[in-house]
């Protein structure tokens, strides 16, 4: 298994770079009007995987995410099996709206990954 992108033939000229960071992480850099757009495609672990397996995926994501310039627009595409709840600690990043009351383990990991990046 792996990750990939389909790029419409009219958008191919906007592709600046494609990087295969690992078997589970791929990103594409697109030329935007005011800034570059970085789209990460992540093949993640589900809630049933071991903590070590989850840790390695999120550490890799954090490392790659933090290597991008701050001013680029960044989007993550993935199925993290994430449930992000309404915990007060996350409100600054996710707002007041959520379908869930409580976050799953992967939900906490993805929000914390983003919070760590924002503190640089």
PDB file of N, CA and C in Angstrom:
ATOM      1  N   UNK A   1       0.829  -1.178   0.000  1.00  0.00           N
ATOM      2  CA  UNK A   1       0.000   0.000   0.000  1.00  0.00           C
ATOM      3  C   UNK A   1       0.874   1.242   0.000  1.00  0.00           C
ATOM      4  N   UNK A   2       0.308   2.338  -0.486  1.00  0.00           N
ATOM      5  CA  UNK A   2       1.034   3.601  -0.510  1.00  0.00           C
ATOM      6  C   UNK A   2       0.067   4.747  -0.734  1.00  0.00           C
ATOM      7  N   UNK A   3       0.617   5.903  -1.040  1.00  0.00           N
ATOM      8  CA  UNK A   3      -0.193   7.092  -1.280  1.00  0.00           C
ATOM      9  C   UNK A   3       0.116   7.639  -2.662  1.00  0.00           C
ATOM     10  N   UNK A   4      -0.733   8.522  -3.147  1.00  0.00           N
ATOM     11  CA  UNK A   4      -0.498   9.101  -4.465  1.00  0.00           C
ATOM     12  C   UNK A   4      -1.408  10.283  -4.717  1.00  0.00           C
ATOM     13  N   UNK A   5      -1.234  10.911  -5.870  1.00  0.00           N
ATOM     14  CA  UNK A   5      -2.053  12.041  -6.297  1.00  0.00           C
ATOM     15  C   UNK A   5      -2.450  11.854  -7.749  1.00  0.00           C
ATOM     16  N   UNK A   6      -3.614  12.341  -8.089  1.00  0.00           N
ATOM     17  CA  UNK A   6      -4.006  12.530  -9.473  1.00  0.00           C
ATOM     18  C   UNK A   6      -4.036  14.028  -9.699  1.00  0.00           C
ATOM     19  N   UNK A   7      -3.396  14.500 -10.753  1.00  0.00           N
ATOM     20  CA  UNK A   7      -3.381  15.923 -11.072  1.00  0.00           C
ATOM     21  C   UNK A   7      -4.029  16.094 -12.439  1.00  0.00           C
ATOM     22  N   UNK A   8      -5.042  16.933 -12.492  1.00  0.00           N
ATOM     23  CA  UNK A   8      -5.730  17.198 -13.751  1.00  0.00           C
ATOM     24  C   UNK A   8      -4.748  17.806 -14.747  1.00  0.00           C
ATOM     25  N   UNK A   9      -4.867  17.439 -16.015  1.00  0.00           N
ATOM     26  CA  UNK A   9      -3.905  17.881 -17.026  1.00  0.00           C
ATOM     27  C   UNK A   9      -3.835  19.409 -17.128  1.00  0.00           C
ATOM     28  N   UNK A  10      -4.899  20.122 -16.781  1.00  0.00           N
ATOM     29  CA  UNK A  10      -4.852  21.588 -16.816  1.00  0.00           C
ATOM     30  C   UNK A  10      -4.120  22.175 -15.619  1.00  0.00           C
ATOM     31  N   UNK A  11      -3.839  21.377 -14.618  1.00  0.00           N
ATOM     32  CA  UNK A  11      -3.159  21.859 -13.406  1.00  0.00           C
ATOM     33  C   UNK A  11      -1.709  21.381 -13.295  1.00  0.00           C
ATOM     34  N   UNK A  12      -1.267  20.581 -14.226  1.00  0.00           N
ATOM     35  CA  UNK A  12       0.085  20.032 -14.167  1.00  0.00           C
ATOM     36  C   UNK A  12       1.141  21.143 -14.141  1.00  0.00           C
ATOM     37  N   UNK A  13       0.907  22.236 -14.835  1.00  0.00           N
ATOM     38  CA  UNK A  13       1.896  23.321 -14.865  1.00  0.00           C
ATOM     39  C   UNK A  13       2.071  23.986 -13.497  1.00  0.00           C
ATOM     40  N   UNK A  14       1.122  23.816 -12.582  1.00  0.00           N
ATOM     41  CA  UNK A  14       1.230  24.393 -11.243  1.00  0.00           C
ATOM     42  C   UNK A  14       2.067  23.530 -10.304  1.00  0.00           C
ATOM     43  N   UNK A  15       2.374  22.304 -10.696  1.00  0.00           N
ATOM     44  CA  UNK A  15       3.149  21.408  -9.843  1.00  0.00           C
ATOM     45  C   UNK A  15       4.612  21.836  -9.847  1.00  0.00           C
ATOM     46  N   UNK A  16       5.095  22.211  -8.660  1.00  0.00           N
ATOM     47  CA  UNK A  16       6.492  22.603  -8.520  1.00  0.00           C
ATOM     48  C   UNK A  16       7.366  21.415  -8.109  1.00  0.00           C
ATOM     49  N   UNK A  17       6.798  20.556  -7.248  1.00  0.00           N
ATOM     50  CA  UNK A  17       7.601  19.447  -6.738  1.00  0.00           C
ATOM     51  C   UNK A  17       6.684  18.380  -6.149  1.00  0.00           C
ATOM     52  N   UNK A  18       7.117  17.137  -6.274  1.00  0.00           N
ATOM     53  CA  UNK A  18       6.448  16.002  -5.631  1.00  0.00           C
ATOM     54  C   UNK A  18       7.524  15.253  -4.860  1.00  0.00           C
ATOM     55  N   UNK A  19       7.249  14.976  -3.589  1.00  0.00           N
ATOM     56  CA  UNK A  19       8.223  14.288  -2.740  1.00  0.00           C
ATOM     57  C   UNK A  19       7.590  13.063  -2.104  1.00  0.00           C
ATOM     58  N   UNK A  20       8.247  11.932  -2.248  1.00  0.00           N
ATOM     59  CA  UNK A  20       7.866  10.721  -1.547  1.00  0.00           C
ATOM     60  C   UNK A  20       8.716  10.661  -0.287  1.00  0.00           C
ATOM     61  N   UNK A  21       8.178  11.135   0.816  1.00  0.00           N
ATOM     62  CA  UNK A  21       8.929  11.158   2.067  1.00  0.00           C
ATOM     63  C   UNK A  21       9.110   9.746   2.617  1.00  0.00           C
ATOM     64  N   UNK A  22       8.117   8.885   2.400  1.00  0.00           N
ATOM     65  CA  UNK A  22       8.184   7.490   2.843  1.00  0.00           C
ATOM     66  C   UNK A  22       7.055   6.738   2.150  1.00  0.00           C
ATOM     67  N   UNK A  23       6.911   5.457   2.502  1.00  0.00           N
ATOM     68  CA  UNK A  23       5.808   4.675   1.945  1.00  0.00           C
ATOM     69  C   UNK A  23       4.451   5.210   2.390  1.00  0.00           C
ATOM     70  N   UNK A  24       4.425   5.902   3.526  1.00  0.00           N
ATOM     71  CA  UNK A  24       3.146   6.359   4.069  1.00  0.00           C
ATOM     72  C   UNK A  24       2.940   7.868   3.962  1.00  0.00           C
ATOM     73  N   UNK A  25       3.913   8.611   3.425  1.00  0.00           N
ATOM     74  CA  UNK A  25       3.760  10.058   3.338  1.00  0.00           C
ATOM     75  C   UNK A  25       4.304  10.582   2.018  1.00  0.00           C
ATOM     76  N   UNK A  26       3.464  11.326   1.332  1.00  0.00           N
ATOM     77  CA  UNK A  26       3.793  11.930   0.052  1.00  0.00           C
ATOM     78  C   UNK A  26       3.271  13.356   0.084  1.00  0.00           C
ATOM     79  N   UNK A  27       4.024  14.291  -0.480  1.00  0.00           N
ATOM     80  CA  UNK A  27       3.461  15.628  -0.596  1.00  0.00           C
ATOM     81  C   UNK A  27       3.772  16.217  -1.955  1.00  0.00           C
ATOM     82  N   UNK A  28       2.909  17.176  -2.325  1.00  0.00           N
ATOM     83  CA  UNK A  28       3.025  17.861  -3.595  1.00  0.00           C
ATOM     84  C   UNK A  28       3.014  19.355  -3.307  1.00  0.00           C
ATOM     85  N   UNK A  29       3.881  20.091  -3.977  1.00  0.00           N
ATOM     86  CA  UNK A  29       3.944  21.546  -3.834  1.00  0.00           C
ATOM     87  C   UNK A  29       3.388  22.153  -5.113  1.00  0.00           C
ATOM     88  N   UNK A  30       2.351  22.974  -4.942  1.00  0.00           N
ATOM     89  CA  UNK A  30       1.694  23.618  -6.073  1.00  0.00           C
ATOM     90  C   UNK A  30       1.936  25.126  -6.027  1.00  0.00           C
ATOM     91  N   UNK A  31       2.147  25.704  -7.179  1.00  0.00           N
ATOM     92  CA  UNK A  31       2.313  27.146  -7.269  1.00  0.00           C
ATOM     93  C   UNK A  31       0.940  27.794  -7.139  1.00  0.00           C
ATOM     94  N   UNK A  32       0.767  28.638  -6.125  1.00  0.00           N
ATOM     95  CA  UNK A  32      -0.481  29.360  -5.933  1.00  0.00           C
ATOM     96  C   UNK A  32      -0.329  30.810  -6.365  1.00  0.00           C
ATOM     97  N   UNK A  33      -1.384  31.539  -6.293  1.00  0.00           N
ATOM     98  CA  UNK A  33      -1.355  32.945  -6.698  1.00  0.00           C
ATOM     99  C   UNK A  33      -0.481  33.773  -5.757  1.00  0.00           C
ATOM    100  N   UNK A  34      -0.663  33.617  -4.426  1.00  0.00           N
ATOM    101  CA  UNK A  34       0.084  34.423  -3.466  1.00  0.00           C
ATOM    102  C   UNK A  34       1.107  33.617  -2.668  1.00  0.00           C
ATOM    103  N   UNK A  35       0.944  32.329  -2.615  1.00  0.00           N
ATOM    104  CA  UNK A  35       1.895  31.487  -1.893  1.00  0.00           C
ATOM    105  C   UNK A  35       1.811  30.072  -2.457  1.00  0.00           C
ATOM    106  N   UNK A  36       2.802  29.272  -2.141  1.00  0.00           N
ATOM    107  CA  UNK A  36       2.749  27.872  -2.557  1.00  0.00           C
ATOM    108  C   UNK A  36       1.728  27.125  -1.709  1.00  0.00           C
ATOM    109  N   UNK A  37       1.171  26.081  -2.282  1.00  0.00           N
ATOM    110  CA  UNK A  37       0.203  25.234  -1.595  1.00  0.00           C
ATOM    111  C   UNK A  37       0.837  23.853  -1.465  1.00  0.00           C
ATOM    112  N   UNK A  38       0.951  23.388  -0.244  1.00  0.00           N
ATOM    113  CA  UNK A  38       1.539  22.082   0.012  1.00  0.00           C
ATOM    114  C   UNK A  38       0.430  21.142   0.465  1.00  0.00           C
ATOM    115  N   UNK A  39       0.270  20.047  -0.263  1.00  0.00           N
ATOM    116  CA  UNK A  39      -0.747  19.059   0.077  1.00  0.00           C
ATOM    117  C   UNK A  39      -0.024  17.781   0.481  1.00  0.00           C
ATOM    118  N   UNK A  40      -0.234  17.363   1.725  1.00  0.00           N
ATOM    119  CA  UNK A  40       0.355  16.130   2.235  1.00  0.00           C
ATOM    120  C   UNK A  40      -0.689  15.028   2.158  1.00  0.00           C
ATOM    121  N   UNK A  41      -0.297  13.894   1.641  1.00  0.00           N
ATOM    122  CA  UNK A  41      -1.162  12.722   1.589  1.00  0.00           C
ATOM    123  C   UNK A  41      -0.537  11.682   2.506  1.00  0.00           C
ATOM    124  N   UNK A  42      -1.262  11.336   3.565  1.00  0.00           N
ATOM    125  CA  UNK A  42      -0.711  10.465   4.602  1.00  0.00           C
ATOM    126  C   UNK A  42      -1.534   9.187   4.696  1.00  0.00           C
ATOM    127  N   UNK A  43      -0.848   8.073   4.675  1.00  0.00           N
ATOM    128  CA  UNK A  43      -1.462   6.778   4.943  1.00  0.00           C
ATOM    129  C   UNK A  43      -1.205   6.509   6.418  1.00  0.00           C
ATOM    130  N   UNK A  44      -2.225   6.646   7.228  1.00  0.00           N
ATOM    131  CA  UNK A  44      -2.040   6.616   8.673  1.00  0.00           C
ATOM    132  C   UNK A  44      -2.467   5.289   9.275  1.00  0.00           C
ATOM    133  N   UNK A  45      -2.317   5.237  10.584  1.00  0.00           N
ATOM    134  CA  UNK A  45      -2.692   4.044  11.332  1.00  0.00           C
ATOM    135  C   UNK A  45      -4.077   4.231  11.920  1.00  0.00           C
ATOM    136  N   UNK A  46      -4.742   3.123  12.212  1.00  0.00           N
ATOM    137  CA  UNK A  46      -6.048   3.233  12.851  1.00  0.00           C
ATOM    138  C   UNK A  46      -5.888   3.159  14.366  1.00  0.00           C
ATOM    139  N   UNK A  47      -6.986   3.326  15.065  1.00  0.00           N
ATOM    140  CA  UNK A  47      -6.963   3.358  16.532  1.00  0.00           C
ATOM    141  C   UNK A  47      -6.467   2.053  17.151  1.00  0.00           C
ATOM    142  N   UNK A  48      -6.579   0.950  16.430  1.00  0.00           N
ATOM    143  CA  UNK A  48      -6.221  -0.355  16.983  1.00  0.00           C
ATOM    144  C   UNK A  48      -4.727  -0.651  16.933  1.00  0.00           C
ATOM    145  N   UNK A  49      -3.960   0.143  16.179  1.00  0.00           N
ATOM    146  CA  UNK A  49      -2.521  -0.082  16.071  1.00  0.00           C
ATOM    147  C   UNK A  49      -1.826   0.246  17.387  1.00  0.00           C
ATOM    148  N   UNK A  50      -0.609  -0.241  17.522  1.00  0.00           N
ATOM    149  CA  UNK A  50       0.154   0.006  18.746  1.00  0.00           C
ATOM    150  C   UNK A  50       0.560   1.479  18.837  1.00  0.00           C
ATOM    151  N   UNK A  51       0.836   1.924  20.058  1.00  0.00           N
ATOM    152  CA  UNK A  51       1.273   3.305  20.260  1.00  0.00           C
ATOM    153  C   UNK A  51       2.580   3.582  19.528  1.00  0.00           C
ATOM    154  N   UNK A  52       3.482   2.596  19.468  1.00  0.00           N
ATOM    155  CA  UNK A  52       4.751   2.786  18.758  1.00  0.00           C
ATOM    156  C   UNK A  52       4.524   3.033  17.273  1.00  0.00           C
ATOM    157  N   UNK A  53       3.598   2.286  16.689  1.00  0.00           N
ATOM    158  CA  UNK A  53       3.270   2.451  15.274  1.00  0.00           C
ATOM    159  C   UNK A  53       2.681   3.838  15.026  1.00  0.00           C
ATOM    160  N   UNK A  54       1.751   4.259  15.886  1.00  0.00           N
ATOM    161  CA  UNK A  54       1.159   5.595  15.756  1.00  0.00           C
ATOM    162  C   UNK A  54       2.212   6.672  15.946  1.00  0.00           C
ATOM    163  N   UNK A  55       3.058   6.499  16.964  1.00  0.00           N
ATOM    164  CA  UNK A  55       4.095   7.496  17.244  1.00  0.00           C
ATOM    165  C   UNK A  55       4.988   7.729  16.037  1.00  0.00           C
ATOM    166  N   UNK A  56       5.377   6.661  15.359  1.00  0.00           N
ATOM    167  CA  UNK A  56       6.287   6.824  14.222  1.00  0.00           C
ATOM    168  C   UNK A  56       5.615   7.590  13.083  1.00  0.00           C
ATOM    169  N   UNK A  57       4.334   7.338  12.828  1.00  0.00           N
ATOM    170  CA  UNK A  57       3.615   8.055  11.769  1.00  0.00           C
ATOM    171  C   UNK A  57       3.497   9.528  12.126  1.00  0.00           C
ATOM    172  N   UNK A  58       3.087   9.836  13.348  1.00  0.00           N
ATOM    173  CA  UNK A  58       2.891  11.234  13.737  1.00  0.00           C
ATOM    174  C   UNK A  58       4.212  11.980  13.877  1.00  0.00           C
ATOM    175  N   UNK A  59       5.269  11.306  14.314  1.00  0.00           N
ATOM    176  CA  UNK A  59       6.587  11.947  14.369  1.00  0.00           C
ATOM    177  C   UNK A  59       7.074  12.296  12.968  1.00  0.00           C
ATOM    178  N   UNK A  60       6.873  11.389  12.029  1.00  0.00           N
ATOM    179  CA  UNK A  60       7.259  11.656  10.644  1.00  0.00           C
ATOM    180  C   UNK A  60       6.450  12.822  10.078  1.00  0.00           C
ATOM    181  N   UNK A  61       5.148  12.830  10.348  1.00  0.00           N
ATOM    182  CA  UNK A  61       4.300  13.918   9.883  1.00  0.00           C
ATOM    183  C   UNK A  61       4.749  15.242  10.498  1.00  0.00           C
ATOM    184  N   UNK A  62       5.009  15.253  11.800  1.00  0.00           N
ATOM    185  CA  UNK A  62       5.457  16.465  12.483  1.00  0.00           C
ATOM    186  C   UNK A  62       6.773  16.969  11.902  1.00  0.00           C
ATOM    187  N   UNK A  63       7.704  16.071  11.667  1.00  0.00           N
ATOM    188  CA  UNK A  63       9.014  16.445  11.132  1.00  0.00           C
ATOM    189  C   UNK A  63       8.875  17.054   9.733  1.00  0.00           C
ATOM    190  N   UNK A  64       8.119  16.407   8.868  1.00  0.00           N
ATOM    191  CA  UNK A  64       7.937  16.929   7.515  1.00  0.00           C
ATOM    192  C   UNK A  64       7.147  18.230   7.529  1.00  0.00           C
ATOM    193  N   UNK A  65       6.095  18.284   8.339  1.00  0.00           N
ATOM    194  CA  UNK A  65       5.252  19.481   8.402  1.00  0.00           C
ATOM    195  C   UNK A  65       6.067  20.676   8.886  1.00  0.00           C
ATOM    196  N   UNK A  66       6.924  20.475   9.875  1.00  0.00           N
ATOM    197  CA  UNK A  66       7.707  21.587  10.419  1.00  0.00           C
ATOM    198  C   UNK A  66       8.832  22.027   9.486  1.00  0.00           C
ATOM    199  N   UNK A  67       9.149  21.217   8.482  1.00  0.00           N
ATOM    200  CA  UNK A  67      10.212  21.606   7.543  1.00  0.00           C
ATOM    201  C   UNK A  67       9.712  22.571   6.465  1.00  0.00           C
ATOM    202  N   UNK A  68       8.391  22.733   6.338  1.00  0.00           N
ATOM    203  CA  UNK A  68       7.839  23.629   5.323  1.00  0.00           C
ATOM    204  C   UNK A  68       7.865  25.072   5.813  1.00  0.00           C
ATOM    205  N   UNK A  69       8.050  26.015   4.900  1.00  0.00           N
ATOM    206  CA  UNK A  69       8.004  27.424   5.305  1.00  0.00           C
ATOM    207  C   UNK A  69       6.647  27.772   5.918  1.00  0.00           C
ATOM    208  N   UNK A  70       6.668  28.624   6.914  1.00  0.00           N
ATOM    209  CA  UNK A  70       5.468  28.985   7.660  1.00  0.00           C
ATOM    210  C   UNK A  70       4.407  29.643   6.783  1.00  0.00           C
ATOM    211  N   UNK A  71       4.835  30.413   5.794  1.00  0.00           N
ATOM    212  CA  UNK A  71       3.900  31.202   4.996  1.00  0.00           C
ATOM    213  C   UNK A  71       3.213  30.411   3.887  1.00  0.00           C
ATOM    214  N   UNK A  72       3.594  29.173   3.650  1.00  0.00           N
ATOM    215  CA  UNK A  72       2.900  28.360   2.650  1.00  0.00           C
ATOM    216  C   UNK A  72       1.583  27.830   3.226  1.00  0.00           C
ATOM    217  N   UNK A  73       0.598  27.666   2.357  1.00  0.00           N
ATOM    218  CA  UNK A  73      -0.660  27.049   2.770  1.00  0.00           C
ATOM    219  C   UNK A  73      -0.439  25.543   2.798  1.00  0.00           C
ATOM    220  N   UNK A  74      -0.861  24.903   3.888  1.00  0.00           N
ATOM    221  CA  UNK A  74      -0.642  23.469   4.043  1.00  0.00           C
ATOM    222  C   UNK A  74      -1.974  22.757   4.291  1.00  0.00           C
ATOM    223  N   UNK A  75      -2.161  21.641   3.585  1.00  0.00           N
ATOM    224  CA  UNK A  75      -3.366  20.833   3.721  1.00  0.00           C
ATOM    225  C   UNK A  75      -2.945  19.381   3.889  1.00  0.00           C
ATOM    226  N   UNK A  76      -3.599  18.698   4.807  1.00  0.00           N
ATOM    227  CA  UNK A  76      -3.310  17.284   5.039  1.00  0.00           C
ATOM    228  C   UNK A  76      -4.505  16.460   4.580  1.00  0.00           C
ATOM    229  N   UNK A  77      -4.245  15.492   3.707  1.00  0.00           N
ATOM    230  CA  UNK A  77      -5.256  14.537   3.272  1.00  0.00           C
ATOM    231  C   UNK A  77      -4.916  13.200   3.900  1.00  0.00           C
ATOM    232  N   UNK A  78      -5.852  12.640   4.637  1.00  0.00           N
ATOM    233  CA  UNK A  78      -5.567  11.355   5.266  1.00  0.00           C
ATOM    234  C   UNK A  78      -6.822  10.795   5.895  1.00  0.00           C
ATOM    235  N   UNK A  79      -6.761   9.535   6.192  1.00  0.00           N
ATOM    236  CA  UNK A  79      -7.776   8.911   7.023  1.00  0.00           C
ATOM    237  C   UNK A  79      -7.069   8.523   8.313  1.00  0.00           C
ATOM    238  N   UNK A  80      -7.112   9.411   9.283  1.00  0.00           N
ATOM    239  CA  UNK A  80      -6.428   9.176  10.542  1.00  0.00           C
ATOM    240  C   UNK A  80      -7.292   8.413  11.541  1.00  0.00           C
ATOM    241  N   UNK A  81      -8.519   8.059  11.147  1.00  0.00           N
ATOM    242  CA  UNK A  81      -9.479   7.504  12.107  1.00  0.00           C
ATOM    243  C   UNK A  81      -9.604   8.479  13.273  1.00  0.00           C
ATOM    244  N   UNK A  82      -9.702   9.745  12.935  1.00  0.00           N
ATOM    245  CA  UNK A  82      -9.661  10.816  13.928  1.00  0.00           C
ATOM    246  C   UNK A  82     -11.061  11.228  14.349  1.00  0.00           C
ATOM    247  N   UNK A  83     -11.204  11.437  15.629  1.00  0.00           N
ATOM    248  CA  UNK A  83     -12.395  12.072  16.192  1.00  0.00           C
ATOM    249  C   UNK A  83     -11.874  13.202  17.071  1.00  0.00           C
ATOM    250  N   UNK A  84     -12.142  14.436  16.655  1.00  0.00           N
ATOM    251  CA  UNK A  84     -11.704  15.589  17.435  1.00  0.00           C
ATOM    252  C   UNK A  84     -12.909  16.132  18.174  1.00  0.00           C
ATOM    253  N   UNK A  85     -12.780  16.208  19.483  1.00  0.00           N
ATOM    254  CA  UNK A  85     -13.882  16.635  20.329  1.00  0.00           C
ATOM    255  C   UNK A  85     -13.830  18.103  20.690  1.00  0.00           C
ATOM    256  N   UNK A  86     -14.599  18.447  21.701  1.00  0.00           N
ATOM    257  CA  UNK A  86     -14.746  19.844  22.113  1.00  0.00           C
ATOM    258  C   UNK A  86     -13.930  20.175  23.357  1.00  0.00           C
ATOM    259  N   UNK A  87     -12.836  19.498  23.585  1.00  0.00           N
ATOM    260  CA  UNK A  87     -12.029  19.777  24.759  1.00  0.00           C
ATOM    261  C   UNK A  87     -11.538  21.221  24.727  1.00  0.00           C
ATOM    262  N   UNK A  88     -11.540  21.882  25.874  1.00  0.00           N
ATOM    263  CA  UNK A  88     -11.145  23.299  25.957  1.00  0.00           C
ATOM    264  C   UNK A  88      -9.733  23.559  25.457  1.00  0.00           C
ATOM    265  N   UNK A  89      -8.837  22.622  25.675  1.00  0.00           N
ATOM    266  CA  UNK A  89      -7.439  22.814  25.293  1.00  0.00           C
ATOM    267  C   UNK A  89      -7.261  22.977  23.780  1.00  0.00           C
ATOM    268  N   UNK A  90      -8.186  22.443  22.986  1.00  0.00           N
ATOM    269  CA  UNK A  90      -8.069  22.493  21.533  1.00  0.00           C
ATOM    270  C   UNK A  90      -8.857  23.635  20.888  1.00  0.00           C
ATOM    271  N   UNK A  91      -9.645  24.368  21.650  1.00  0.00           N
ATOM    272  CA  UNK A  91     -10.565  25.362  21.071  1.00  0.00           C
ATOM    273  C   UNK A  91      -9.868  26.430  20.245  1.00  0.00           C
ATOM    274  N   UNK A  92      -8.676  26.836  20.614  1.00  0.00           N
ATOM    275  CA  UNK A  92      -7.967  27.861  19.835  1.00  0.00           C
ATOM    276  C   UNK A  92      -7.631  27.368  18.437  1.00  0.00           C
ATOM    277  N   UNK A  93      -7.447  26.075  18.264  1.00  0.00           N
ATOM    278  CA  UNK A  93      -7.066  25.520  16.963  1.00  0.00           C
ATOM    279  C   UNK A  93      -8.246  25.018  16.153  1.00  0.00           C
ATOM    280  N   UNK A  94      -9.247  24.454  16.818  1.00  0.00           N
ATOM    281  CA  UNK A  94     -10.346  23.839  16.068  1.00  0.00           C
ATOM    282  C   UNK A  94     -11.671  24.563  16.222  1.00  0.00           C
ATOM    283  N   UNK A  95     -11.739  25.529  17.131  1.00  0.00           N
ATOM    284  CA  UNK A  95     -12.982  26.268  17.323  1.00  0.00           C
ATOM    285  C   UNK A  95     -13.930  25.556  18.274  1.00  0.00           C
ATOM    286  N   UNK A  96     -15.172  26.017  18.275  1.00  0.00           N
ATOM    287  CA  UNK A  96     -16.176  25.497  19.206  1.00  0.00           C
ATOM    288  C   UNK A  96     -17.019  24.380  18.629  1.00  0.00           C
ATOM    289  N   UNK A  97     -16.919  24.156  17.331  1.00  0.00           N
ATOM    290  CA  UNK A  97     -17.810  23.204  16.682  1.00  0.00           C
ATOM    291  C   UNK A  97     -17.118  21.867  16.459  1.00  0.00           C
ATOM    292  N   UNK A  98     -17.781  20.820  16.833  1.00  0.00           N
ATOM    293  CA  UNK A  98     -17.315  19.464  16.578  1.00  0.00           C
ATOM    294  C   UNK A  98     -18.507  18.529  16.715  1.00  0.00           C
ATOM    295  N   UNK A  99     -18.481  17.459  15.963  1.00  0.00           N
ATOM    296  CA  UNK A  99     -19.546  16.467  16.082  1.00  0.00           C
ATOM    297  C   UNK A  99     -19.375  15.609  17.324  1.00  0.00           C
ATOM    298  N   UNK A 100     -18.176  15.595  17.870  1.00  0.00           N
ATOM    299  CA  UNK A 100     -17.840  14.734  19.002  1.00  0.00           C
ATOM    300  C   UNK A 100     -17.674  15.550  20.280  1.00  0.00           C
ATOM    301  N   UNK A 101     -17.977  14.924  21.397  1.00  0.00           N
ATOM    302  CA  UNK A 101     -17.735  15.559  22.686  1.00  0.00           C
ATOM    303  C   UNK A 101     -16.274  15.356  23.094  1.00  0.00           C
ATOM    304  N   UNK A 102     -15.753  14.145  22.849  1.00  0.00           N
ATOM    305  CA  UNK A 102     -14.388  13.802  23.251  1.00  0.00           C
ATOM    306  C   UNK A 102     -13.573  13.338  22.056  1.00  0.00           C
ATOM    307  N   UNK A 103     -12.280  13.589  22.118  1.00  0.00           N
ATOM    308  CA  UNK A 103     -11.363  13.205  21.041  1.00  0.00           C
ATOM    309  C   UNK A 103     -10.899  11.765  21.203  1.00  0.00           C
ATOM    310  N   UNK A 104     -10.638  11.118  20.072  1.00  0.00           N
ATOM    311  CA  UNK A 104     -10.007   9.800  20.091  1.00  0.00           C
ATOM    312  C   UNK A 104      -8.497   9.997  20.264  1.00  0.00           C
ATOM    313  N   UNK A 105      -7.782   8.910  20.478  1.00  0.00           N
ATOM    314  CA  UNK A 105      -6.326   8.984  20.624  1.00  0.00           C
ATOM    315  C   UNK A 105      -5.696   9.619  19.388  1.00  0.00           C
ATOM    316  N   UNK A 106      -6.096   9.184  18.187  1.00  0.00           N
ATOM    317  CA  UNK A 106      -5.550   9.773  16.958  1.00  0.00           C
ATOM    318  C   UNK A 106      -5.978  11.231  16.803  1.00  0.00           C
ATOM    319  N   UNK A 107      -7.157  11.587  17.293  1.00  0.00           N
ATOM    320  CA  UNK A 107      -7.604  12.974  17.249  1.00  0.00           C
ATOM    321  C   UNK A 107      -6.712  13.870  18.081  1.00  0.00           C
ATOM    322  N   UNK A 108      -6.377  13.416  19.281  1.00  0.00           N
ATOM    323  CA  UNK A 108      -5.462  14.172  20.142  1.00  0.00           C
ATOM    324  C   UNK A 108      -4.099  14.292  19.472  1.00  0.00           C
ATOM    325  N   UNK A 109      -3.613  13.210  18.876  1.00  0.00           N
ATOM    326  CA  UNK A 109      -2.297  13.229  18.240  1.00  0.00           C
ATOM    327  C   UNK A 109      -2.226  14.226  17.086  1.00  0.00           C
ATOM    328  N   UNK A 110      -3.249  14.286  16.234  1.00  0.00           N
ATOM    329  CA  UNK A 110      -3.189  15.182  15.077  1.00  0.00           C
ATOM    330  C   UNK A 110      -3.302  16.640  15.516  1.00  0.00           C
ATOM    331  N   UNK A 111      -4.128  16.929  16.504  1.00  0.00           N
ATOM    332  CA  UNK A 111      -4.236  18.313  16.980  1.00  0.00           C
ATOM    333  C   UNK A 111      -2.940  18.728  17.657  1.00  0.00           C
ATOM    334  N   UNK A 112      -2.365  17.862  18.471  1.00  0.00           N
ATOM    335  CA  UNK A 112      -1.097  18.192  19.130  1.00  0.00           C
ATOM    336  C   UNK A 112       0.025  18.354  18.116  1.00  0.00           C
ATOM    337  N   UNK A 113       0.003  17.571  17.050  1.00  0.00           N
ATOM    338  CA  UNK A 113       1.003  17.705  15.982  1.00  0.00           C
ATOM    339  C   UNK A 113       0.928  19.109  15.400  1.00  0.00           C
ATOM    340  N   UNK A 114      -0.265  19.610  15.162  1.00  0.00           N
ATOM    341  CA  UNK A 114      -0.444  20.952  14.614  1.00  0.00           C
ATOM    342  C   UNK A 114      -0.059  22.020  15.628  1.00  0.00           C
ATOM    343  N   UNK A 115      -0.399  21.827  16.904  1.00  0.00           N
ATOM    344  CA  UNK A 115      -0.053  22.803  17.940  1.00  0.00           C
ATOM    345  C   UNK A 115       1.454  22.912  18.078  1.00  0.00           C
ATOM    346  N   UNK A 116       2.160  21.780  18.044  1.00  0.00           N
ATOM    347  CA  UNK A 116       3.628  21.819  18.125  1.00  0.00           C
ATOM    348  C   UNK A 116       4.210  22.614  16.983  1.00  0.00           C
ATOM    349  N   UNK A 117       3.681  22.439  15.777  1.00  0.00           N
ATOM    350  CA  UNK A 117       4.175  23.162  14.608  1.00  0.00           C
ATOM    351  C   UNK A 117       3.955  24.657  14.780  1.00  0.00           C
ATOM    352  N   UNK A 118       2.806  25.056  15.317  1.00  0.00           N
ATOM    353  CA  UNK A 118       2.462  26.465  15.434  1.00  0.00           C
ATOM    354  C   UNK A 118       3.340  27.190  16.438  1.00  0.00           C
ATOM    355  N   UNK A 119       3.985  26.473  17.317  1.00  0.00           N
ATOM    356  CA  UNK A 119       4.797  27.131  18.334  1.00  0.00           C
ATOM    357  C   UNK A 119       6.199  27.457  17.836  1.00  0.00           C
ATOM    358  N   UNK A 120       6.574  27.084  16.602  1.00  0.00           N
ATOM    359  CA  UNK A 120       7.900  27.374  16.091  1.00  0.00           C
ATOM    360  C   UNK A 120       8.023  28.819  15.708  1.00  0.00           C
TER     361      UNK A 120
END
